[in-house]
N, C-alpha and C. Protein backbone atom coordinates (compact mmCIF):
# COMPACT_ATOMS: atom_id res chain seq x y z
N UNK A 1 94.86 98.86 120.53
CA UNK A 1 94.05 98.72 119.33
C UNK A 1 94.91 99.01 118.11
N UNK A 2 94.80 98.18 117.11
CA UNK A 2 95.56 98.37 115.88
C UNK A 2 95.09 99.62 115.15
N UNK A 3 96.06 100.34 114.56
CA UNK A 3 95.68 101.53 113.80
C UNK A 3 95.45 101.19 112.33
N UNK A 4 95.82 99.99 111.90
CA UNK A 4 95.66 99.62 110.51
C UNK A 4 94.23 99.72 110.01
N UNK A 5 93.27 99.46 110.90
CA UNK A 5 91.86 99.51 110.54
C UNK A 5 91.47 100.89 110.05
N UNK A 6 92.06 101.91 110.68
CA UNK A 6 91.69 103.28 110.34
C UNK A 6 92.40 103.79 109.11
N UNK A 7 93.36 103.03 108.60
CA UNK A 7 94.10 103.47 107.42
C UNK A 7 93.28 103.33 106.14
N UNK A 8 92.17 102.64 106.25
CA UNK A 8 91.29 102.44 105.09
C UNK A 8 92.06 101.79 103.95
N UNK A 9 92.71 100.69 104.26
CA UNK A 9 93.49 99.96 103.26
C UNK A 9 92.60 99.09 102.39
N UNK A 10 93.22 98.26 101.56
CA UNK A 10 92.49 97.45 100.58
C UNK A 10 91.45 96.56 101.24
N UNK A 11 91.79 95.94 102.35
CA UNK A 11 90.83 95.07 103.04
C UNK A 11 89.64 95.84 103.57
N UNK A 12 89.90 97.00 104.10
CA UNK A 12 88.83 97.83 104.65
C UNK A 12 87.90 98.32 103.54
N UNK A 13 88.47 98.75 102.42
CA UNK A 13 87.64 99.20 101.29
C UNK A 13 86.80 98.06 100.76
N UNK A 14 87.37 96.87 100.74
CA UNK A 14 86.64 95.68 100.28
C UNK A 14 85.47 95.40 101.22
N UNK A 15 85.72 95.51 102.54
CA UNK A 15 84.65 95.29 103.52
C UNK A 15 83.53 96.31 103.31
N UNK A 16 83.87 97.57 103.13
CA UNK A 16 82.86 98.59 102.87
C UNK A 16 82.04 98.24 101.62
N UNK A 17 82.71 97.78 100.60
CA UNK A 17 82.04 97.44 99.35
C UNK A 17 81.07 96.27 99.53
N UNK A 18 81.50 95.26 100.27
CA UNK A 18 80.64 94.11 100.52
C UNK A 18 79.41 94.54 101.32
N UNK A 19 79.63 95.32 102.36
CA UNK A 19 78.51 95.79 103.19
C UNK A 19 77.54 96.66 102.38
N UNK A 20 78.09 97.50 101.52
CA UNK A 20 77.22 98.33 100.67
C UNK A 20 76.37 97.46 99.77
N UNK A 21 76.95 96.40 99.22
CA UNK A 21 76.20 95.48 98.37
C UNK A 21 75.04 94.83 99.11
N UNK A 22 75.26 94.51 100.38
CA UNK A 22 74.20 93.92 101.19
C UNK A 22 73.08 94.93 101.40
N UNK A 23 73.45 96.17 101.72
CA UNK A 23 72.45 97.22 101.91
C UNK A 23 71.67 97.44 100.62
N UNK A 24 72.37 97.56 99.52
CA UNK A 24 71.73 97.83 98.23
C UNK A 24 70.76 96.73 97.83
N UNK A 25 71.08 95.50 98.17
CA UNK A 25 70.21 94.37 97.81
C UNK A 25 68.95 94.31 98.67
N UNK A 26 68.88 95.11 99.72
CA UNK A 26 67.70 95.12 100.60
C UNK A 26 66.67 96.16 100.20
N UNK A 27 66.92 96.88 99.13
CA UNK A 27 65.98 97.89 98.67
C UNK A 27 64.90 97.21 97.84
N UNK A 28 63.65 97.62 98.05
CA UNK A 28 62.54 97.08 97.28
C UNK A 28 61.77 98.19 96.60
N UNK A 29 61.24 97.88 95.44
CA UNK A 29 60.40 98.79 94.69
C UNK A 29 59.18 97.98 94.25
N UNK A 30 58.01 98.35 94.72
CA UNK A 30 56.78 97.61 94.40
C UNK A 30 56.91 96.13 94.77
N UNK A 31 57.41 95.87 95.98
CA UNK A 31 57.59 94.50 96.50
C UNK A 31 58.56 93.66 95.67
N UNK A 32 59.43 94.31 94.95
CA UNK A 32 60.43 93.60 94.14
C UNK A 32 61.81 94.10 94.54
N UNK A 33 62.71 93.17 94.84
CA UNK A 33 64.06 93.56 95.21
C UNK A 33 64.79 94.15 94.01
N UNK A 34 65.47 95.23 94.25
CA UNK A 34 66.29 95.84 93.21
C UNK A 34 67.66 96.15 93.79
N UNK A 35 68.63 96.31 92.94
CA UNK A 35 69.96 96.73 93.37
C UNK A 35 69.96 98.25 93.26
N UNK A 36 69.91 98.94 94.40
CA UNK A 36 69.82 100.39 94.36
C UNK A 36 71.12 100.97 93.81
N UNK A 37 71.04 101.90 92.88
CA UNK A 37 72.25 102.46 92.27
C UNK A 37 72.97 103.45 93.19
N UNK A 38 74.27 103.54 93.01
CA UNK A 38 75.09 104.52 93.70
C UNK A 38 75.42 105.61 92.68
N UNK A 39 75.17 106.84 93.05
CA UNK A 39 75.50 107.98 92.19
C UNK A 39 76.81 108.60 92.66
N UNK A 40 77.57 109.13 91.69
CA UNK A 40 78.85 109.77 91.96
C UNK A 40 78.79 111.22 91.50
N UNK A 41 79.60 112.09 92.07
CA UNK A 41 79.58 113.51 91.69
C UNK A 41 79.81 113.77 90.20
N UNK A 42 80.55 112.88 89.53
CA UNK A 42 80.82 113.09 88.10
C UNK A 42 79.67 112.64 87.21
N UNK A 43 78.56 112.19 87.83
CA UNK A 43 77.40 111.77 87.05
C UNK A 43 77.37 110.29 86.74
N UNK A 44 78.44 109.55 87.05
CA UNK A 44 78.44 108.12 86.79
C UNK A 44 77.61 107.41 87.85
N UNK A 45 77.32 106.13 87.58
CA UNK A 45 76.43 105.38 88.45
C UNK A 45 76.84 103.91 88.48
N UNK A 46 76.78 103.31 89.65
CA UNK A 46 77.00 101.87 89.82
C UNK A 46 75.62 101.25 89.98
N UNK A 47 75.26 100.36 89.08
CA UNK A 47 73.91 99.79 89.13
C UNK A 47 73.86 98.44 88.43
N UNK A 48 72.69 97.81 88.51
CA UNK A 48 72.46 96.55 87.82
C UNK A 48 73.38 95.45 88.26
N UNK A 49 73.99 94.77 87.30
CA UNK A 49 74.84 93.62 87.59
C UNK A 49 76.15 94.01 88.26
N UNK A 50 76.51 95.29 88.21
CA UNK A 50 77.74 95.75 88.86
C UNK A 50 77.45 95.89 90.36
N UNK A 51 77.27 94.75 91.03
CA UNK A 51 76.77 94.81 92.40
C UNK A 51 77.81 95.21 93.41
N UNK A 52 79.09 95.03 93.13
CA UNK A 52 80.13 95.37 94.09
C UNK A 52 81.14 96.29 93.41
N UNK A 53 81.44 97.39 94.06
CA UNK A 53 82.42 98.33 93.52
C UNK A 53 83.80 97.68 93.47
N UNK A 54 84.52 97.89 92.40
CA UNK A 54 85.89 97.38 92.30
C UNK A 54 86.78 98.31 93.11
N UNK A 55 87.00 97.93 94.35
CA UNK A 55 87.68 98.83 95.29
C UNK A 55 89.12 99.10 94.91
N UNK A 56 89.75 98.19 94.15
CA UNK A 56 91.14 98.43 93.78
C UNK A 56 91.29 99.63 92.86
N UNK A 57 90.17 100.08 92.30
CA UNK A 57 90.19 101.23 91.40
C UNK A 57 89.89 102.55 92.10
N UNK A 58 89.68 102.51 93.43
CA UNK A 58 89.22 103.70 94.14
C UNK A 58 89.94 103.88 95.48
N UNK A 59 90.02 105.13 95.90
CA UNK A 59 90.49 105.45 97.24
C UNK A 59 89.26 105.61 98.13
N UNK A 60 89.48 105.68 99.45
CA UNK A 60 88.34 105.90 100.34
C UNK A 60 87.68 107.23 100.04
N UNK A 61 88.47 108.23 99.77
CA UNK A 61 87.92 109.56 99.50
C UNK A 61 86.97 109.53 98.31
N UNK A 62 87.34 108.76 97.28
CA UNK A 62 86.46 108.63 96.11
C UNK A 62 85.20 107.85 96.47
N UNK A 63 85.37 106.74 97.20
CA UNK A 63 84.22 105.94 97.60
C UNK A 63 83.27 106.76 98.47
N UNK A 64 83.83 107.60 99.34
CA UNK A 64 83.01 108.37 100.28
C UNK A 64 82.03 109.30 99.59
N UNK A 65 82.26 109.60 98.33
CA UNK A 65 81.36 110.47 97.58
C UNK A 65 80.19 109.71 96.98
N UNK A 66 80.21 108.38 97.02
CA UNK A 66 79.11 107.58 96.48
C UNK A 66 77.88 107.70 97.36
N UNK A 67 76.73 107.86 96.72
CA UNK A 67 75.52 108.07 97.49
C UNK A 67 74.30 107.48 96.80
N UNK A 68 73.32 107.13 97.62
CA UNK A 68 72.00 106.76 97.13
C UNK A 68 71.19 108.05 97.08
N UNK A 69 70.50 108.28 95.99
CA UNK A 69 69.67 109.47 95.86
C UNK A 69 68.21 109.04 95.97
N UNK A 70 67.53 109.53 97.00
CA UNK A 70 66.11 109.26 97.22
C UNK A 70 65.38 110.58 97.04
N UNK A 71 64.97 110.86 95.82
CA UNK A 71 64.33 112.15 95.55
C UNK A 71 65.31 113.28 95.82
N UNK A 72 64.96 114.19 96.72
CA UNK A 72 65.84 115.31 97.06
C UNK A 72 66.85 114.93 98.15
N UNK A 73 66.72 113.72 98.70
CA UNK A 73 67.59 113.29 99.79
C UNK A 73 68.74 112.43 99.26
N UNK A 74 69.86 112.48 99.96
CA UNK A 74 71.02 111.68 99.58
C UNK A 74 71.55 110.96 100.82
N UNK A 75 71.89 109.69 100.65
CA UNK A 75 72.52 108.92 101.71
C UNK A 75 73.93 108.58 101.24
N UNK A 76 74.93 109.13 101.89
CA UNK A 76 76.31 108.81 101.56
C UNK A 76 76.64 107.47 102.21
N UNK A 77 76.41 106.43 101.45
CA UNK A 77 76.40 105.06 101.99
C UNK A 77 77.76 104.62 102.52
N UNK A 78 78.84 104.89 101.81
CA UNK A 78 80.16 104.45 102.30
C UNK A 78 80.57 105.23 103.55
N UNK A 79 80.25 106.51 103.61
CA UNK A 79 80.53 107.29 104.81
C UNK A 79 79.75 106.73 106.00
N UNK A 80 78.49 106.34 105.76
CA UNK A 80 77.66 105.78 106.82
C UNK A 80 78.23 104.46 107.32
N UNK A 81 78.62 103.60 106.41
CA UNK A 81 79.19 102.30 106.80
C UNK A 81 80.51 102.48 107.53
N UNK A 82 81.30 103.44 107.09
CA UNK A 82 82.57 103.75 107.76
C UNK A 82 82.31 104.14 109.22
N UNK A 83 81.32 104.97 109.45
CA UNK A 83 80.98 105.39 110.81
C UNK A 83 80.49 104.22 111.66
N UNK A 84 79.71 103.32 111.05
CA UNK A 84 79.23 102.15 111.78
C UNK A 84 80.39 101.25 112.17
N UNK A 85 81.31 101.00 111.24
CA UNK A 85 82.47 100.14 111.54
C UNK A 85 83.36 100.76 112.62
N UNK A 86 83.56 102.06 112.57
CA UNK A 86 84.34 102.73 113.61
C UNK A 86 83.65 102.60 114.97
N UNK A 87 82.34 102.79 114.98
CA UNK A 87 81.58 102.66 116.21
C UNK A 87 81.75 101.25 116.79
N UNK A 88 81.62 100.23 115.95
CA UNK A 88 81.77 98.85 116.42
C UNK A 88 83.17 98.59 116.96
N UNK A 89 84.17 99.05 116.24
CA UNK A 89 85.56 98.82 116.66
C UNK A 89 85.85 99.46 118.01
N UNK A 90 85.30 100.64 118.24
CA UNK A 90 85.53 101.34 119.50
C UNK A 90 84.74 100.68 120.63
N UNK A 91 83.54 100.25 120.35
CA UNK A 91 82.66 99.70 121.39
C UNK A 91 82.90 98.23 121.72
N UNK A 92 83.47 97.48 120.80
CA UNK A 92 83.69 96.06 121.05
C UNK A 92 84.76 95.89 122.12
N UNK A 93 84.53 94.95 123.04
CA UNK A 93 85.54 94.67 124.06
C UNK A 93 86.80 94.12 123.41
N UNK A 94 86.62 93.33 122.36
CA UNK A 94 87.75 92.79 121.62
C UNK A 94 87.48 92.99 120.13
N UNK A 95 87.99 94.07 119.54
CA UNK A 95 87.75 94.31 118.12
C UNK A 95 88.65 93.46 117.22
N UNK A 96 89.43 92.58 117.82
CA UNK A 96 90.35 91.74 117.05
C UNK A 96 89.71 91.04 115.86
N UNK A 97 88.54 90.39 116.04
CA UNK A 97 87.90 89.72 114.90
C UNK A 97 87.58 90.66 113.74
N UNK A 98 87.23 91.89 114.06
CA UNK A 98 86.95 92.87 113.00
C UNK A 98 88.22 93.19 112.23
N UNK A 99 89.32 93.38 112.95
CA UNK A 99 90.60 93.64 112.30
C UNK A 99 91.06 92.44 111.48
N UNK A 100 90.83 91.24 112.02
CA UNK A 100 91.20 90.01 111.29
C UNK A 100 90.42 89.89 109.99
N UNK A 101 89.14 90.24 110.02
CA UNK A 101 88.33 90.20 108.81
C UNK A 101 88.89 91.14 107.76
N UNK A 102 89.26 92.35 108.17
CA UNK A 102 89.84 93.32 107.23
C UNK A 102 91.12 92.75 106.62
N UNK A 103 91.97 92.15 107.44
CA UNK A 103 93.21 91.54 106.93
C UNK A 103 92.91 90.41 105.96
N UNK A 104 91.94 89.58 106.29
CA UNK A 104 91.57 88.45 105.43
C UNK A 104 91.07 88.94 104.07
N UNK A 105 90.29 90.00 104.07
CA UNK A 105 89.71 90.50 102.83
C UNK A 105 90.75 91.10 101.90
N UNK A 106 91.90 91.51 102.44
CA UNK A 106 92.97 92.04 101.58
C UNK A 106 93.42 91.01 100.56
N UNK A 107 93.38 89.75 100.93
CA UNK A 107 93.93 88.69 100.11
C UNK A 107 92.88 87.91 99.31
N UNK A 108 91.62 88.23 99.49
CA UNK A 108 90.57 87.50 98.77
C UNK A 108 90.30 88.15 97.43
N UNK A 109 90.04 87.32 96.44
CA UNK A 109 89.67 87.85 95.14
C UNK A 109 88.17 87.72 94.91
N UNK A 110 87.57 86.67 95.43
CA UNK A 110 86.12 86.48 95.28
C UNK A 110 85.41 87.18 96.42
N UNK A 111 84.28 87.77 96.11
CA UNK A 111 83.49 88.44 97.14
C UNK A 111 82.26 87.60 97.41
N UNK A 112 82.09 87.23 98.68
CA UNK A 112 80.94 86.44 99.06
C UNK A 112 80.40 87.00 100.36
N UNK A 113 79.21 87.51 100.33
CA UNK A 113 78.63 88.14 101.52
C UNK A 113 77.88 87.14 102.38
N UNK A 114 77.75 85.92 101.96
CA UNK A 114 76.99 84.92 102.74
C UNK A 114 77.77 84.43 103.93
């Protein structure tokens, strides 16, 4: 198994960002889809039209602090997605396609989740 996946390189951070955007777009408020905001420890927030985090500006450690705040509860979304991807890579009989996707995303400039 390649260790590059666990290095959390540019392609991996991009994949996390795309997946987070998909999750955020599935939130509804009063039967209306909204882009759920990500809160950061410094008080800043990713919301509205800023649908995908600019991963080139962040390390995994910084991204890992991003969270959805639901009242008194917090969901550390990037940490959760990281755990899901690790689970898939370990459980897949051939994780090659997952590693290939990470490599492909390193070189893409446009983000398309479709």
